[in-house]
C-alpha atoms as a PDB file:
ATOM      1  CA  MET A   1     -42.927  -5.529 -78.369  1.00  0.00           C
ATOM      2  CA  ILE A   2     -39.922  -7.741 -78.687  1.00  0.00           C
ATOM      3  CA  ALA A   3     -37.282  -8.403 -76.043  1.00  0.00           C
ATOM      4  CA  ASP A   4     -34.378 -10.610 -77.011  1.00  0.00           C
ATOM      5  CA  ILE A   5     -32.701 -11.924 -73.848  1.00  0.00           C
ATOM      6  CA  SER A   6     -29.260 -13.550 -73.999  1.00  0.00           C
ATOM      7  CA  ASN A   7     -27.268 -14.904 -71.067  1.00  0.00           C
ATOM      8  CA  LYS A   8     -23.527 -15.138 -71.721  1.00  0.00           C
ATOM      9  CA  SER A   9     -22.644 -14.979 -68.026  1.00  0.00           C
ATOM     10  CA  LYS A  10     -22.141 -17.870 -65.634  1.00  0.00           C
ATOM     11  CA  TYR A  11     -25.128 -16.749 -63.576  1.00  0.00           C
ATOM     12  CA  SER A  12     -28.483 -18.448 -63.676  1.00  0.00           C
ATOM     13  CA  ILE A  13     -30.876 -15.873 -65.120  1.00  0.00           C
ATOM     14  CA  GLU A  14     -34.639 -16.304 -65.308  1.00  0.00           C
ATOM     15  CA  THR A  15     -34.795 -15.088 -68.897  1.00  0.00           C
ATOM     16  CA  LYS A  16     -38.586 -15.415 -69.160  1.00  0.00           C
ATOM     17  CA  LYS A  17     -39.027 -13.258 -66.050  1.00  0.00           C
ATOM     18  CA  VAL A  18     -36.539 -10.692 -67.381  1.00  0.00           C
ATOM     19  CA  GLN A  19     -38.502 -10.623 -70.629  1.00  0.00           C
ATOM     20  CA  ARG A  20     -41.789 -10.067 -68.764  1.00  0.00           C
ATOM     21  CA  ILE A  21     -40.208  -7.229 -66.755  1.00  0.00           C
ATOM     22  CA  ILE A  22     -38.880  -5.590 -69.935  1.00  0.00           C
ATOM     23  CA  PHE A  23     -42.323  -5.852 -71.598  1.00  0.00           C
ATOM     24  CA  PHE A  24     -43.899  -4.367 -68.468  1.00  0.00           C
ATOM     25  CA  ILE A  25     -41.430  -1.449 -68.480  1.00  0.00           C
ATOM     26  CA  MET A  26     -41.952  -0.854 -72.208  1.00  0.00           C
ATOM     27  CA  LYS A  27     -45.718  -0.862 -71.763  1.00  0.00           C
ATOM     28  CA  ASN A  28     -45.524   1.552 -68.811  1.00  0.00           C
ATOM     29  CA  LEU A  29     -43.353   3.885 -70.885  1.00  0.00           C
ATOM     30  CA  GLY A  30     -45.969   3.876 -73.638  1.00  0.00           C
ATOM     31  CA  LEU A  31     -43.655   2.432 -76.261  1.00  0.00           C
ATOM     32  CA  LYS A  32     -44.993   1.212 -79.604  1.00  0.00           C
ATOM     33  CA  GLN A  33     -45.966  -2.421 -80.183  1.00  0.00           C
ATOM     34  CA  ASN A  34     -43.331  -2.884 -82.910  1.00  0.00           C
ATOM     35  CA  GLN A  35     -40.402  -1.687 -80.806  1.00  0.00           C
ATOM     36  CA  GLU A  36     -37.720  -4.053 -79.624  1.00  0.00           C
ATOM     37  CA  VAL A  37     -34.821  -4.210 -77.211  1.00  0.00           C
ATOM     38  CA  ALA A  38     -32.014  -6.697 -76.612  1.00  0.00           C
ATOM     39  CA  VAL A  39     -30.756  -7.532 -73.121  1.00  0.00           C
ATOM     40  CA  THR A  40     -27.461  -9.393 -72.757  1.00  0.00           C
ATOM     41  CA  PHE A  41     -25.922 -10.658 -69.528  1.00  0.00           C
ATOM     42  CA  LEU A  42     -22.107 -10.775 -69.589  1.00  0.00           C
ATOM     43  CA  ASN A  43     -19.308 -11.908 -67.298  1.00  0.00           C
ATOM     44  CA  GLU A  44     -16.968  -9.360 -65.724  1.00  0.00           C
ATOM     45  CA  GLU A  45     -14.232  -9.731 -68.325  1.00  0.00           C
ATOM     46  CA  GLU A  46     -16.533  -9.046 -71.275  1.00  0.00           C
ATOM     47  CA  MET A  47     -18.213  -6.160 -69.459  1.00  0.00           C
ATOM     48  CA  SER A  48     -14.802  -4.672 -68.627  1.00  0.00           C
ATOM     49  CA  GLN A  49     -13.895  -4.751 -72.316  1.00  0.00           C
ATOM     50  CA  LEU A  50     -17.087  -2.905 -73.286  1.00  0.00           C
ATOM     51  CA  HIS A  51     -16.697  -0.435 -70.427  1.00  0.00           C
ATOM     52  CA  GLU A  52     -13.156   0.397 -71.473  1.00  0.00           C
ATOM     53  CA  LYS A  53     -13.988   0.596 -75.194  1.00  0.00           C
ATOM     54  CA  TRP A  54     -17.102   2.785 -74.937  1.00  0.00           C
ATOM     55  CA  MET A  55     -16.666   4.716 -71.680  1.00  0.00           C
ATOM     56  CA  GLN A  56     -12.855   4.752 -71.392  1.00  0.00           C
ATOM     57  CA  GLU A  57     -13.194   3.469 -67.826  1.00  0.00           C
ATOM     58  CA  SER A  58     -11.440   0.389 -66.492  1.00  0.00           C
ATOM     59  CA  GLY A  59     -13.120  -2.557 -64.843  1.00  0.00           C
ATOM     60  CA  PRO A  60     -16.625  -3.928 -65.148  1.00  0.00           C
ATOM     61  CA  THR A  61     -19.750  -1.883 -64.555  1.00  0.00           C
ATOM     62  CA  ASP A  62     -23.294  -2.937 -63.696  1.00  0.00           C
ATOM     63  CA  VAL A  63     -25.209  -1.825 -66.799  1.00  0.00           C
ATOM     64  CA  MET A  64     -24.552  -0.171 -70.138  1.00  0.00           C
ATOM     65  CA  SER A  65     -27.076   0.917 -72.747  1.00  0.00           C
ATOM     66  CA  PHE A  66     -26.463   1.359 -76.457  1.00  0.00           C
ATOM     67  CA  ARG A  67     -29.128   3.447 -78.217  1.00  0.00           C
ATOM     68  CA  LEU A  68     -29.544   2.541 -81.861  1.00  0.00           C
ATOM     69  CA  SER A  69     -31.146   5.897 -82.581  1.00  0.00           C
ATOM     70  CA  GLU A  70     -27.731   7.471 -82.006  1.00  0.00           C
ATOM     71  CA  ILE A  71     -26.221   5.511 -84.909  1.00  0.00           C
ATOM     72  CA  SER A  72     -29.146   4.793 -87.254  1.00  0.00           C
ATOM     73  CA  ASP A  73     -32.616   5.840 -88.306  1.00  0.00           C
ATOM     74  CA  PHE A  74     -34.334   2.713 -86.958  1.00  0.00           C
ATOM     75  CA  ASP A  75     -37.350   3.642 -84.910  1.00  0.00           C
ATOM     76  CA  TYR A  76     -38.401   0.087 -84.093  1.00  0.00           C
ATOM     77  CA  SER A  77     -35.207  -1.125 -82.405  1.00  0.00           C
ATOM     78  CA  LEU A  78     -34.388   0.846 -79.289  1.00  0.00           C
ATOM     79  CA  GLY A  79     -30.979  -0.747 -78.764  1.00  0.00           C
ATOM     80  CA  ASP A  80     -29.131  -2.998 -76.355  1.00  0.00           C
ATOM     81  CA  ILE A  81     -28.904  -3.211 -72.596  1.00  0.00           C
ATOM     82  CA  VAL A  82     -25.861  -5.075 -71.298  1.00  0.00           C
ATOM     83  CA  ILE A  83     -25.756  -6.196 -67.660  1.00  0.00           C
ATOM     84  CA  CYS A  84     -23.044  -7.846 -65.565  1.00  0.00           C
ATOM     85  CA  PRO A  85     -24.870  -9.982 -62.953  1.00  0.00           C
ATOM     86  CA  LYS A  86     -21.781 -10.343 -60.750  1.00  0.00           C
ATOM     87  CA  VAL A  87     -21.440  -6.566 -60.405  1.00  0.00           C
ATOM     88  CA  VAL A  88     -25.192  -6.212 -59.831  1.00  0.00           C
ATOM     89  CA  GLU A  89     -25.059  -8.862 -57.089  1.00  0.00           C
ATOM     90  CA  ARG A  90     -22.027  -7.224 -55.440  1.00  0.00           C
ATOM     91  CA  ASP A  91     -23.681  -3.785 -55.557  1.00  0.00           C
ATOM     92  CA  ALA A  92     -26.945  -5.198 -54.168  1.00  0.00           C
ATOM     93  CA  LYS A  93     -25.060  -6.538 -51.140  1.00  0.00           C
ATOM     94  CA  LYS A  94     -23.389  -3.155 -50.562  1.00  0.00           C
ATOM     95  CA  LEU A  95     -26.768  -1.407 -50.828  1.00  0.00           C
ATOM     96  CA  LYS A  96     -28.469  -4.082 -48.689  1.00  0.00           C
ATOM     97  CA  LYS A  97     -31.015  -4.735 -51.456  1.00  0.00           C
ATOM     98  CA  GLN A  98     -32.399  -7.972 -52.820  1.00  0.00           C
ATOM     99  CA  PRO A  99     -30.350  -8.964 -55.886  1.00  0.00           C
ATOM    100  CA  ALA A 100     -33.565  -9.502 -57.900  1.00  0.00           C
ATOM    101  CA  LEU A 101     -34.757  -6.009 -56.993  1.00  0.00           C
ATOM    102  CA  HIS A 102     -31.442  -4.462 -57.950  1.00  0.00           C
ATOM    103  CA  LEU A 103     -31.435  -6.368 -61.246  1.00  0.00           C
ATOM    104  CA  ALA A 104     -34.925  -5.010 -61.971  1.00  0.00           C
ATOM    105  CA  PHE A 105     -33.585  -1.527 -61.247  1.00  0.00           C
ATOM    106  CA  MET A 106     -30.781  -2.079 -63.778  1.00  0.00           C
ATOM    107  CA  LEU A 107     -33.398  -3.035 -66.381  1.00  0.00           C
ATOM    108  CA  VAL A 108     -35.371   0.142 -65.635  1.00  0.00           C
ATOM    109  CA  HIS A 109     -32.226   2.268 -65.669  1.00  0.00           C
ATOM    110  CA  GLY A 110     -31.000   0.757 -68.929  1.00  0.00           C
ATOM    111  CA  MET A 111     -34.386   1.123 -70.614  1.00  0.00           C
ATOM    112  CA  LEU A 112     -34.612   4.799 -69.634  1.00  0.00           C
ATOM    113  CA  HIS A 113     -31.221   5.408 -71.249  1.00  0.00           C
ATOM    114  CA  LEU A 114     -32.486   3.742 -74.436  1.00  0.00           C
ATOM    115  CA  ILE A 115     -35.370   6.191 -74.703  1.00  0.00           C
ATOM    116  CA  GLY A 116     -33.160   9.218 -74.113  1.00  0.00           C
ATOM    117  CA  PHE A 117     -32.902   9.804 -70.365  1.00  0.00           C
ATOM    118  CA  ASP A 118     -29.496  10.775 -69.031  1.00  0.00           C
ATOM    119  CA  HIS A 119     -27.944  11.684 -65.698  1.00  0.00           C
ATOM    120  CA  GLN A 120     -24.935  13.784 -66.648  1.00  0.00           C
ATOM    121  CA  LYS A 121     -26.525  17.117 -65.646  1.00  0.00           C
ATOM    122  CA  LYS A 122     -28.236  17.592 -62.292  1.00  0.00           C
ATOM    123  CA  VAL A 123     -31.597  18.589 -63.814  1.00  0.00           C
ATOM    124  CA  ASP A 124     -31.554  15.505 -66.084  1.00  0.00           C
ATOM    125  CA  LYS A 125     -30.481  13.278 -63.194  1.00  0.00           C
ATOM    126  CA  VAL A 126     -33.456  14.421 -61.113  1.00  0.00           C
ATOM    127  CA  LYS A 127     -35.876  13.701 -63.985  1.00  0.00           C
ATOM    128  CA  MET A 128     -34.363  10.271 -64.542  1.00  0.00           C
ATOM    129  CA  GLN A 129     -34.470   9.399 -60.837  1.00  0.00           C
ATOM    130  CA  GLU A 130     -38.130  10.408 -60.630  1.00  0.00           C
ATOM    131  CA  GLN A 131     -38.947   8.162 -63.575  1.00  0.00           C
ATOM    132  CA  GLU A 132     -36.874   5.311 -62.092  1.00  0.00           C
ATOM    133  CA  GLN A 133     -38.703   5.556 -58.765  1.00  0.00           C
ATOM    134  CA  LYS A 134     -42.097   5.608 -60.455  1.00  0.00           C
ATOM    135  CA  LEU A 135     -41.307   2.576 -62.613  1.00  0.00           C
ATOM    136  CA  MET A 136     -39.676   0.670 -59.761  1.00  0.00           C
ATOM    137  CA  ARG A 137     -42.802   1.040 -57.610  1.00  0.00           C
ATOM    138  CA  GLU A 138     -44.794  -0.575 -60.430  1.00  0.00           C
ATOM    139  CA  VAL A 139     -42.170  -3.286 -61.092  1.00  0.00           C
ATOM    140  CA  GLU A 140     -41.909  -4.154 -57.374  1.00  0.00           C
ATOM    141  CA  ARG A 141     -45.683  -4.363 -57.055  1.00  0.00           C
ATOM    142  CA  GLU A 142     -45.923  -6.651 -60.091  1.00  0.00           C
ATOM    143  CA  PHE A 143     -42.801  -8.846 -59.912  1.00  0.00           C
ATOM    144  CA  ILE A 144     -40.869  -8.700 -56.633  1.00  0.00           C
ATOM    145  CA  LYS A 145     -42.397 -10.767 -53.890  1.00  0.00           C
END
């Protein structure tokens, strides 16, 4: 399993910890050893540009996932997860959650999108939320002190 972590934001990110969390999630999802994912942390301006280009929505968002299987036949590269730490931090405060816990949730959420989960329909949303809760219990137990 390969996780390429890149921080282009102004936030201090524990990239090694993020990588360990991603590996943990991938392992818990039963993904193959040769599969890879890229995680990039962006500032609000760059995230806003992506959000507008790909979702036709203005302003920054917390997380976006780009599945490579939707545009190619690669079965080893799952795709990219892009996260805006400032939005994650702001949302964590609103939700009264630890920022580290909310960031871990964004990693889980993004990874589930990469393997095909969606939340557009109610039935799919319920399935995705169940999987998120299951994975978050494991992630919290392992990484969040």
